[in-house]
Amino acid sequence: MNIDISTPALLFPAITLLLLAFTNRFVALATLARGLRQRLNENPDMSDTILGQIHNLKTRLLLIRNMQALGIGSFFSCVLSMVLMYLSRQQIADYVFGLSLFLLLGSLTLSFIETQISTKALKIELSDLETKSFKK
């Protein structure tokens, strides 16, 4: 299959938007981690719940780092495939573009996993709120 130079360019907006979304997730987690630390200092009796959240955050941060790495690799491969097409190395460019698609697929898979873990984190938070409301 031969692709032209505009095909990899189609992925540029999608990859950059994904990288922006991943960065936003990272910033949100950093803010949450700081808030959890403050909550732990203020309420040492809630340590089990907060430590569960911290463990969850560490896993999510690792996933986000890998999501970003795969997204950057995908973006790099897209650009490299365009350069190879410009240099008339079509067959190599096709393989590099295929690699870009697989890297993007990996990044999206990690994003899905991170979303599932995020949902579990919310369940932990909500269960803590439920126990507080029942105690009143």
Protein backbone atom coordinates (compact mmCIF):
# COMPACT_ATOMS: atom_id res chain seq x y z
CA MET A 1 0.00 0.00 0.00
CA ASN A 2 1.36 3.38 -0.96
CA ILE A 3 0.37 6.46 0.93
CA ASP A 4 1.13 10.05 0.04
CA ILE A 5 2.66 12.73 2.24
CA SER A 6 -0.73 14.11 3.29
CA THR A 7 -1.80 10.84 4.99
CA PRO A 8 0.54 11.13 8.01
CA ALA A 9 -0.32 14.83 8.20
CA LEU A 10 -3.92 13.82 8.93
CA LEU A 11 -2.82 12.43 12.29
CA PHE A 12 -1.13 15.68 13.43
CA PRO A 13 -4.25 17.33 14.88
CA ALA A 14 -5.40 14.11 16.56
CA ILE A 15 -2.04 13.40 18.16
CA THR A 16 -1.53 16.96 19.38
CA LEU A 17 -5.02 17.03 20.92
CA LEU A 18 -4.34 13.72 22.66
CA LEU A 19 -1.04 15.01 24.03
CA LEU A 20 -2.83 18.10 25.31
CA ALA A 21 -5.47 15.94 26.98
CA PHE A 22 -2.78 13.75 28.56
CA THR A 23 -0.99 16.84 29.87
CA ASN A 24 -4.24 18.11 31.36
CA ARG A 25 -4.73 14.77 33.10
CA PHE A 26 -1.22 14.99 34.50
CA VAL A 27 -1.80 18.51 35.84
CA ALA A 28 -5.09 17.43 37.43
CA LEU A 29 -3.37 14.49 39.13
CA ALA A 30 -0.57 16.70 40.41
CA THR A 31 -3.16 19.02 41.95
CA LEU A 32 -4.99 16.05 43.44
CA ALA A 33 -1.77 14.65 44.92
CA ARG A 34 -1.04 17.97 46.62
CA GLY A 35 -4.58 18.08 47.98
CA LEU A 36 -4.32 14.51 49.30
CA ARG A 37 -1.12 15.34 51.09
CA GLN A 38 -2.78 18.30 52.76
CA ARG A 39 -5.81 16.17 53.72
CA LEU A 40 -3.54 13.51 55.21
CA ASN A 41 -1.75 16.14 57.32
CA GLU A 42 -5.07 17.58 58.50
CA ASN A 43 -6.87 14.25 59.12
CA PRO A 44 -4.44 11.45 60.05
CA ASP A 45 -7.42 9.20 60.93
CA MET A 46 -8.34 9.05 57.21
CA SER A 47 -4.95 7.56 56.32
CA ASP A 48 -6.31 4.27 54.89
CA THR A 49 -8.49 6.02 52.34
CA ILE A 50 -5.86 8.59 51.47
CA LEU A 51 -3.10 5.98 51.15
CA GLY A 52 -5.37 4.01 48.80
CA GLN A 53 -5.80 7.14 46.71
CA ILE A 54 -2.04 7.80 46.71
CA HIS A 55 -1.34 4.26 45.50
CA ASN A 56 -3.93 4.78 42.79
CA LEU A 57 -2.33 8.11 41.80
CA LYS A 58 1.12 6.54 41.45
CA THR A 59 -0.25 3.96 39.05
CA ARG A 60 -2.13 6.60 37.06
CA LEU A 61 0.92 8.87 36.86
CA LEU A 62 2.99 5.99 35.47
CA LEU A 63 0.30 5.28 32.88
CA ILE A 64 0.06 8.94 31.87
CA ARG A 65 3.84 9.16 31.48
CA ASN A 66 3.75 6.11 29.19
CA MET A 67 0.72 7.46 27.30
CA GLN A 68 2.65 10.66 26.61
CA ALA A 69 5.77 8.74 25.58
CA LEU A 70 3.82 6.61 23.10
CA GLY A 71 2.00 9.69 21.78
CA ILE A 72 5.30 11.51 21.26
CA GLY A 73 6.71 8.41 19.56
CA SER A 74 3.68 8.34 17.28
CA PHE A 75 4.08 12.01 16.43
CA PHE A 76 7.80 11.52 15.77
CA SER A 77 7.10 8.53 13.53
CA CYS A 78 4.54 10.54 11.56
CA VAL A 79 7.06 13.28 10.90
CA LEU A 80 9.76 10.75 10.07
CA SER A 81 7.49 8.99 7.59
CA MET A 82 6.82 12.32 5.88
CA VAL A 83 10.54 13.02 5.69
CA LEU A 84 11.12 9.56 4.21
CA MET A 85 8.40 10.18 1.61
CA TYR A 86 10.03 13.48 0.75
CA LEU A 87 13.31 11.60 0.27
CA SER A 88 11.53 9.07 -2.00
CA ARG A 89 11.87 6.17 0.45
CA GLN A 90 8.26 5.11 0.10
CA GLN A 91 8.47 1.55 1.41
CA ILE A 92 10.35 2.54 4.56
CA ALA A 93 7.96 5.48 5.01
CA ASP A 94 4.99 3.09 4.86
CA TYR A 95 6.47 0.94 7.63
CA VAL A 96 7.33 3.96 9.78
CA PHE A 97 3.79 5.27 9.34
CA GLY A 98 2.46 1.85 10.37
CA LEU A 99 4.66 2.06 13.46
CA SER A 100 3.14 5.47 14.17
CA LEU A 101 -0.35 3.98 14.07
CA PHE A 102 0.62 1.18 16.47
CA LEU A 103 2.22 3.65 18.89
CA LEU A 104 -0.95 5.73 18.78
CA LEU A 105 -3.02 2.60 19.41
CA GLY A 106 -0.83 1.78 22.43
CA SER A 107 -1.26 5.29 23.77
CA LEU A 108 -5.03 5.07 23.43
CA THR A 109 -5.06 1.67 25.13
CA LEU A 110 -3.17 3.08 28.11
CA SER A 111 -5.57 6.00 28.15
CA PHE A 112 -8.48 3.58 28.44
CA ILE A 113 -6.79 1.71 31.29
CA GLU A 114 -6.06 4.98 33.10
CA THR A 115 -9.70 5.99 32.76
CA GLN A 116 -10.77 2.70 34.35
CA ILE A 117 -8.39 3.26 37.26
CA SER A 118 -9.67 6.82 37.59
CA THR A 119 -13.18 5.44 37.97
CA LYS A 120 -11.98 3.17 40.79
CA ALA A 121 -10.40 6.22 42.48
CA LEU A 122 -13.72 8.01 42.38
CA LYS A 123 -15.42 4.98 43.91
CA ILE A 124 -12.93 5.07 46.80
CA GLU A 125 -13.64 8.77 47.31
CA LEU A 126 -17.39 8.27 47.16
CA SER A 127 -17.31 5.34 49.57
CA ASP A 128 -15.45 7.54 52.03
CA LEU A 129 -18.12 10.22 51.68
CA GLU A 130 -20.88 7.64 52.15
CA THR A 131 -19.39 6.37 55.41
CA LYS A 132 -19.09 9.93 56.69
CA SER A 133 -22.70 10.72 55.84
CA PHE A 134 -23.97 7.55 57.57
CA LYS A 135 -22.03 8.38 60.74
CA LYS A 136 -23.88 11.68 61.13
